[in-house]
Amino acid sequence: MADGATNQSLLDEVKRRYAVAITPAMEQLIDPADAADPIARQFRPDARELMETPEERLDPIDDHAHEVVEGVVHRYADRCLLKITHVCPVYCRFCFRREMVGPGKSEAITPEKLDAALAYIEGHPEIWEVILTGGDPFVLSPRRVREITQRLAAIPHVQVIRWHTRMPVVDPMRVSDEFVAALKCDKAVYVALHANHAREITSDARAAIARLVNAGIPMVSQTVLLKGVNDDIATLEDLMRALVAARVKPYYLHHGDLAPGTSHFRTSIEAGQDLTEALRARASGLCQPSYVLDIPGGAAKAPLSRPAVRMADTTCEVCDHEGNWRAYPPAAATEG
């Protein structure tokens, strides 16, 4: 009993420190008989979240250092983030913005701050792409989504509007025909879906994805490599195949960020490299995401896959899908 009371006390402390929420759609996927259920692991608080390691950071990819006006993170010259909300329908236990998102963590962007953010984007013609994030921008109403979309589309140099969300899997019914219509404009609109396990791609999720794709909105995915969730090749392969079958192109496989209290989720880089090589040997090129790390300190993303080319002074070798190194160009065939 004492152990149970202690654990509950620790969980209560986790809930005081970090936002906790799970949607009915995700709750229904949890197997109560599986103590290591990968869906529960993503959303239910864990006492290990109170254990911080020296290398972990409150802002692991230094969003704040690149925040040029409130809500706009301009890290790369041709694109910027527009953090339009600090609220999510679910709160992932490994979130790299866990210190910044959730009720009471930050104020919602006001109309005046949105005006200032859009003025910054309009005043920087190098910005070709705007990435809507947060929080989860799909928590906004169709009216707000339409307003923001149209205001971004009116900026001549903005050619791509990309929305990052978990909503099509965690609350599929919210992605209504009205909501999808609000996303459309005369610029290229993309939706990046965050999904970490094939069980998240339910029939309702596939229907929500279809509403977006059938409306002419291309979709890509991002996945976080998570210990105990998707760090074995069968699970990772199932997820990538499920995404492609739903018409979502796998885009990024993120190495876990150094967010506080998340060490129990992080694999080694070597383990991630082994997995991506195994995936390359087993699945179509459509199923291959780029394995990347956001360099701590906000430097940029770094590709983590092992090189498939090795050079010497006069020779070059390339690695095939089975891990064999082969000369390029191949030696000339001998006659006779």
Protein backbone atom coordinates (compact mmCIF):
# COMPACT_ATOMS: atom_id res chain seq x y z
CA MET A 1 0.00 0.00 0.00
CA ALA A 2 2.83 2.37 0.88
CA ASP A 3 4.48 1.75 -2.49
CA GLY A 4 1.20 2.46 -4.26
CA ALA A 5 0.72 5.66 -2.28
CA THR A 6 4.28 6.75 -3.05
CA ASN A 7 3.84 6.11 -6.76
CA GLN A 8 0.56 8.05 -6.78
CA SER A 9 2.29 10.92 -5.04
CA LEU A 10 4.99 10.92 -7.73
CA LEU A 11 2.38 10.83 -10.50
CA ASP A 12 0.58 13.74 -8.88
CA GLU A 13 3.85 15.66 -8.95
CA VAL A 14 4.29 14.86 -12.67
CA LYS A 15 0.79 16.20 -13.32
CA ARG A 16 1.57 19.39 -11.41
CA ARG A 17 4.69 19.97 -13.49
CA TYR A 18 3.59 18.87 -16.96
CA ALA A 19 0.30 18.99 -18.84
CA VAL A 20 -1.59 15.68 -19.06
CA ALA A 21 -4.39 14.89 -21.51
CA ILE A 22 -5.49 11.96 -23.63
CA THR A 23 -8.42 11.79 -26.04
CA PRO A 24 -11.08 9.05 -25.96
CA ALA A 25 -9.79 7.81 -29.34
CA MET A 26 -6.35 7.12 -27.85
CA GLU A 27 -7.71 5.83 -24.55
CA GLN A 28 -9.71 3.19 -26.43
CA LEU A 29 -6.52 1.88 -28.08
CA ILE A 30 -4.81 1.07 -24.78
CA ASP A 31 -4.68 -2.60 -23.82
CA PRO A 32 -5.28 -2.65 -20.05
CA ALA A 33 -3.70 -6.10 -19.83
CA ASP A 34 -0.40 -4.85 -21.29
CA ALA A 35 1.76 -3.09 -18.70
CA ALA A 36 4.04 -1.94 -21.53
CA ASP A 37 1.31 -0.79 -23.90
CA PRO A 38 2.93 1.59 -26.44
CA ILE A 39 -0.08 3.91 -26.59
CA ALA A 40 -0.28 4.24 -22.81
CA ARG A 41 3.47 4.86 -22.69
CA GLN A 42 3.07 7.89 -24.96
CA PHE A 43 0.28 9.63 -23.05
CA ARG A 44 -0.06 8.41 -19.45
CA PRO A 45 2.21 10.12 -16.91
CA ASP A 46 5.15 8.15 -15.54
CA ALA A 47 7.07 8.79 -12.32
CA ARG A 48 10.31 8.57 -14.32
CA GLU A 49 9.45 11.99 -15.79
CA LEU A 50 10.72 13.47 -12.52
CA MET A 51 14.20 12.02 -13.16
CA GLU A 52 16.30 14.57 -15.05
CA THR A 53 19.77 14.02 -16.46
CA PRO A 54 22.52 16.66 -16.63
CA GLU A 55 22.38 17.00 -20.42
CA GLU A 56 18.61 17.68 -20.54
CA ARG A 57 17.40 21.22 -21.24
CA LEU A 58 14.23 23.22 -20.68
CA ASP A 59 14.37 24.36 -24.33
CA PRO A 60 16.32 21.52 -25.99
CA ILE A 61 16.39 22.95 -29.52
CA ASP A 62 16.61 26.61 -28.42
CA ASP A 63 13.36 27.87 -29.90
CA HIS A 64 13.62 30.88 -27.62
CA ALA A 65 17.00 31.96 -28.98
CA HIS A 66 15.55 32.10 -32.51
CA GLU A 67 12.21 33.71 -31.58
CA VAL A 68 12.39 36.99 -33.50
CA VAL A 69 8.98 38.24 -32.40
CA GLU A 70 6.58 36.44 -30.10
CA GLY A 71 5.29 33.34 -31.87
CA VAL A 72 7.78 33.39 -34.77
CA VAL A 73 10.88 31.17 -34.68
CA HIS A 74 13.16 31.98 -37.61
CA ARG A 75 15.97 29.40 -37.56
CA TYR A 76 16.38 28.68 -41.28
CA ALA A 77 16.49 31.49 -43.85
CA ASP A 78 13.69 30.28 -46.15
CA ARG A 79 11.18 29.16 -43.54
CA CYS A 80 9.89 29.97 -40.09
CA LEU A 81 7.65 28.55 -37.42
CA LEU A 82 4.46 30.32 -36.44
CA LYS A 83 3.48 29.06 -32.98
CA ILE A 84 -0.18 29.88 -33.05
CA THR A 85 -1.35 28.07 -29.90
CA HIS A 86 0.12 26.47 -26.77
CA VAL A 87 -2.65 23.89 -26.36
CA CYS A 88 -2.81 20.27 -27.62
CA PRO A 89 -5.58 17.64 -27.68
CA VAL A 90 -3.09 15.20 -26.10
CA TYR A 91 0.19 15.80 -24.30
CA CYS A 92 2.97 13.46 -25.30
CA ARG A 93 5.17 12.47 -22.38
CA PHE A 94 8.32 13.00 -24.50
CA CYS A 95 7.39 16.42 -25.92
CA PHE A 96 10.38 18.70 -26.53
CA ARG A 97 8.19 21.73 -25.76
CA ARG A 98 6.75 20.24 -22.57
CA GLU A 99 7.92 23.23 -20.52
CA MET A 100 6.03 25.59 -22.83
CA VAL A 101 2.73 23.88 -23.73
CA GLY A 102 -0.41 23.19 -21.77
CA PRO A 103 -3.00 25.17 -19.82
CA GLY A 104 -1.40 28.03 -17.94
CA LYS A 105 2.08 27.52 -19.43
CA SER A 106 1.89 30.43 -21.90
CA GLU A 107 -0.65 32.98 -23.03
CA ALA A 108 -2.47 32.31 -26.28
CA ILE A 109 -1.32 34.50 -29.12
CA THR A 110 -3.44 37.65 -29.09
CA PRO A 111 -4.74 39.42 -32.23
CA GLU A 112 -2.10 42.10 -31.71
CA LYS A 113 0.70 39.54 -31.41
CA LEU A 114 -0.57 37.71 -34.48
CA ASP A 115 -0.52 41.00 -36.40
CA ALA A 116 3.11 41.52 -35.32
CA ALA A 117 4.05 37.96 -36.29
CA LEU A 118 2.50 38.29 -39.74
CA ALA A 119 4.13 41.70 -40.18
CA TYR A 120 7.52 40.10 -39.52
CA ILE A 121 6.85 37.38 -42.10
CA GLU A 122 5.64 39.95 -44.62
CA GLY A 123 8.76 42.04 -44.02
CA HIS A 124 11.16 39.15 -44.74
CA PRO A 125 10.92 38.15 -48.41
CA GLU A 126 13.32 35.26 -47.90
CA ILE A 127 10.56 33.38 -46.01
CA TRP A 128 9.17 30.94 -48.59
CA GLU A 129 7.46 28.51 -46.17
CA VAL A 130 5.55 29.06 -42.92
CA ILE A 131 5.12 26.11 -40.55
CA LEU A 132 2.11 26.33 -38.22
CA THR A 133 2.85 24.63 -34.92
CA GLY A 134 2.43 25.15 -31.21
CA GLY A 135 0.86 23.33 -29.40
CA ASP A 136 -1.35 21.76 -32.05
CA PRO A 137 -2.83 24.32 -34.47
CA PHE A 138 -5.66 21.93 -35.39
CA VAL A 139 -7.29 22.82 -32.05
CA LEU A 140 -8.32 26.11 -33.69
CA SER A 141 -11.80 26.61 -35.07
CA PRO A 142 -12.36 26.47 -38.84
CA ARG A 143 -13.01 30.22 -38.75
CA ARG A 144 -9.59 30.92 -37.20
CA VAL A 145 -7.85 28.47 -39.51
CA ARG A 146 -9.42 30.13 -42.54
CA GLU A 147 -8.40 33.58 -41.34
CA ILE A 148 -4.78 32.59 -40.71
CA THR A 149 -4.54 30.66 -43.97
CA GLN A 150 -5.89 33.55 -46.01
CA ARG A 151 -3.65 36.10 -44.32
CA LEU A 152 -0.55 33.98 -44.98
CA ALA A 153 -1.64 33.28 -48.56
CA ALA A 154 -1.90 37.03 -49.15
CA ILE A 155 1.84 37.46 -48.53
CA PRO A 156 3.36 37.18 -52.03
CA HIS A 157 6.65 35.49 -51.10
CA VAL A 158 5.01 32.82 -48.89
CA GLN A 159 4.52 29.89 -51.24
CA VAL A 160 4.08 26.98 -48.81
CA ILE A 161 1.93 26.75 -45.67
CA ARG A 162 2.60 23.66 -43.59
CA TRP A 163 0.44 22.63 -40.60
CA HIS A 164 1.89 20.25 -37.99
CA THR A 165 -0.66 18.22 -36.06
CA ARG A 166 -1.58 15.02 -34.26
CA MET A 167 -5.32 15.64 -34.63
CA PRO A 168 -6.12 13.23 -37.51
CA VAL A 169 -5.06 10.30 -35.32
CA VAL A 170 -5.92 11.48 -31.80
CA ASP A 171 -9.29 13.12 -32.55
CA PRO A 172 -10.15 12.26 -36.16
CA MET A 173 -13.73 13.57 -36.10
CA ARG A 174 -12.43 17.09 -35.50
CA VAL A 175 -10.95 17.04 -39.03
CA SER A 176 -14.32 17.79 -40.59
CA ASP A 177 -15.11 18.80 -44.15
CA GLU A 178 -15.55 22.37 -42.88
CA PHE A 179 -12.13 22.28 -41.22
CA VAL A 180 -10.46 20.87 -44.36
CA ALA A 181 -12.07 23.57 -46.51
CA ALA A 182 -10.65 26.22 -44.17
CA LEU A 183 -7.11 25.01 -44.90
CA LYS A 184 -7.37 25.47 -48.65
CA CYS A 185 -6.03 28.46 -50.53
CA ASP A 186 -4.20 29.28 -53.74
CA LYS A 187 -0.79 28.50 -52.19
CA ALA A 188 0.65 25.02 -51.54
CA VAL A 189 -0.78 23.69 -48.27
CA TYR A 190 0.77 20.64 -46.60
CA VAL A 191 -0.19 18.80 -43.42
CA ALA A 192 2.50 17.03 -41.40
CA LEU A 193 1.03 14.28 -39.23
CA HIS A 194 2.73 13.17 -36.02
CA ALA A 195 2.24 9.42 -35.47
CA ASN A 196 4.44 6.94 -33.60
CA HIS A 197 2.72 3.56 -33.77
CA ALA A 198 0.70 1.72 -36.42
CA ARG A 199 -2.22 1.26 -34.00
CA GLU A 200 -2.77 5.02 -34.16
CA ILE A 201 -3.73 4.67 -37.85
CA THR A 202 -7.28 3.50 -37.12
CA SER A 203 -10.15 3.40 -39.60
CA ASP A 204 -11.33 6.79 -38.27
CA ALA A 205 -7.80 8.18 -38.66
CA ARG A 206 -7.62 6.88 -42.24
CA ALA A 207 -10.94 8.57 -42.97
CA ALA A 208 -9.68 11.88 -41.55
CA ILE A 209 -6.49 11.58 -43.61
CA ALA A 210 -8.59 10.82 -46.70
CA ARG A 211 -10.64 13.99 -46.17
CA LEU A 212 -7.42 15.99 -46.32
CA VAL A 213 -5.74 14.13 -49.18
CA ASN A 214 -8.92 13.95 -51.29
CA ALA A 215 -9.19 17.73 -50.95
CA GLY A 216 -5.80 18.04 -52.63
CA ILE A 217 -3.74 18.59 -49.46
CA PRO A 218 -0.55 16.47 -49.51
CA MET A 219 0.48 14.86 -46.24
CA VAL A 220 3.84 13.92 -44.77
CA SER A 221 4.59 12.40 -41.38
CA GLN A 222 6.96 12.86 -38.52
CA THR A 223 7.71 10.18 -35.95
CA VAL A 224 9.83 10.23 -32.81
CA LEU A 225 11.99 7.16 -32.21
CA LEU A 226 10.84 6.05 -28.75
CA LYS A 227 12.16 3.26 -26.57
CA GLY A 228 9.35 0.86 -25.76
CA VAL A 229 7.05 2.31 -28.41
CA ASN A 230 8.58 1.85 -31.86
CA ASP A 231 12.25 0.92 -31.38
CA ASP A 232 12.02 -2.52 -33.02
CA ILE A 233 12.06 -3.08 -36.75
CA ALA A 234 8.71 -4.87 -37.03
CA THR A 235 6.88 -2.04 -35.23
CA LEU A 236 8.66 0.69 -37.16
CA GLU A 237 8.03 -1.06 -40.48
CA ASP A 238 4.34 -1.55 -39.66
CA LEU A 239 4.00 2.17 -38.91
CA MET A 240 5.69 3.33 -42.10
CA ARG A 241 3.65 0.92 -44.23
CA ALA A 242 0.42 2.03 -42.52
CA LEU A 243 1.25 5.68 -43.23
CA VAL A 244 2.07 5.09 -46.89
CA ALA A 245 -1.05 2.96 -47.36
CA ALA A 246 -3.05 5.88 -45.95
CA ARG A 247 -1.32 8.22 -48.48
CA VAL A 248 0.99 9.90 -45.98
CA LYS A 249 4.66 10.09 -47.01
CA PRO A 250 7.06 9.39 -44.11
CA TYR A 251 9.19 12.52 -43.77
CA TYR A 252 11.19 12.59 -40.52
CA LEU A 253 12.14 10.01 -37.91
CA HIS A 254 13.34 12.20 -35.05
CA HIS A 255 15.92 11.10 -32.53
CA GLY A 256 14.56 11.92 -29.08
CA ASP A 257 15.31 15.46 -27.93
CA LEU A 258 16.93 16.28 -24.58
CA ALA A 259 13.70 17.42 -22.94
CA PRO A 260 13.58 17.19 -19.13
CA GLY A 261 12.50 13.84 -17.73
CA THR A 262 12.52 11.95 -21.05
CA SER A 263 15.67 9.81 -20.81
CA HIS A 264 13.57 6.64 -20.48
CA PHE A 265 12.32 7.24 -24.04
CA ARG A 266 15.65 7.90 -25.75
CA THR A 267 17.50 5.23 -27.70
CA SER A 268 21.13 5.45 -28.73
CA ILE A 269 21.93 6.95 -32.12
CA GLU A 270 23.54 3.63 -33.08
CA ALA A 271 20.29 1.80 -32.35
CA GLY A 272 18.43 4.28 -34.55
CA GLN A 273 20.94 3.76 -37.35
CA ASP A 274 20.53 0.00 -37.10
CA LEU A 275 16.76 0.39 -37.35
CA THR A 276 16.84 2.70 -40.36
CA GLU A 277 19.24 0.38 -42.18
CA ALA A 278 16.97 -2.57 -41.45
CA LEU A 279 13.97 -0.57 -42.69
CA ARG A 280 15.80 0.22 -45.92
CA ALA A 281 16.40 -3.51 -46.48
CA ARG A 282 12.77 -4.45 -45.81
CA ALA A 283 10.49 -1.73 -47.18
CA SER A 284 9.81 0.37 -50.26
CA GLY A 285 11.56 3.68 -50.73
CA LEU A 286 8.20 5.33 -50.05
CA CYS A 287 8.47 4.03 -46.47
CA GLN A 288 11.84 5.61 -45.71
CA PRO A 289 11.85 8.70 -43.45
CA SER A 290 14.98 10.77 -42.90
CA TYR A 291 16.50 9.93 -39.51
CA VAL A 292 17.45 13.29 -37.98
CA LEU A 293 18.58 14.97 -34.79
CA ASP A 294 17.81 18.55 -33.81
CA ILE A 295 21.23 19.64 -32.63
CA PRO A 296 21.03 20.95 -29.04
CA GLY A 297 21.56 24.67 -28.97
CA GLY A 298 19.35 25.29 -31.98
CA ALA A 299 22.02 24.84 -34.66
CA ALA A 300 19.87 22.88 -37.15
CA LYS A 301 18.80 19.35 -38.01
CA ALA A 302 21.55 16.81 -38.69
CA PRO A 303 21.01 13.63 -40.74
CA LEU A 304 21.92 10.58 -38.66
CA SER A 305 21.79 7.72 -41.16
CA ARG A 306 25.11 6.02 -41.76
CA PRO A 307 26.83 7.06 -45.00
CA ALA A 308 26.14 4.83 -47.99
CA VAL A 309 29.24 6.06 -49.85
CA ARG A 310 32.92 5.83 -48.90
CA MET A 311 35.66 7.46 -50.92
CA ALA A 312 39.35 6.83 -51.27
CA ASP A 313 41.91 8.58 -53.48
CA THR A 314 40.98 6.73 -56.65
CA THR A 315 38.04 4.54 -55.67
CA CYS A 316 34.46 4.84 -54.57
CA GLU A 317 32.26 2.24 -52.87
CA VAL A 318 28.51 2.33 -52.32
CA CYS A 319 26.49 0.28 -49.88
CA ASP A 320 23.54 -1.76 -51.12
CA HIS A 321 20.32 -2.47 -49.20
CA GLU A 322 21.84 -5.63 -47.67
CA GLY A 323 24.87 -3.81 -46.30
CA ASN A 324 27.35 -4.98 -48.94
CA TRP A 325 29.94 -2.49 -50.19
CA ARG A 326 30.32 -2.45 -53.97
CA ALA A 327 32.77 -0.61 -56.22
CA TYR A 328 31.47 2.27 -58.30
CA PRO A 329 31.94 2.34 -61.18
CA PRO A 330 32.17 -1.45 -61.27
CA ALA A 331 35.31 -3.00 -62.71
CA ALA A 332 35.14 -3.39 -66.49
CA ALA A 333 34.18 -6.87 -67.68
CA THR A 334 37.03 -8.78 -69.28
CA GLU A 335 36.56 -10.06 -72.81
CA GLY A 336 36.89 -13.69 -73.75
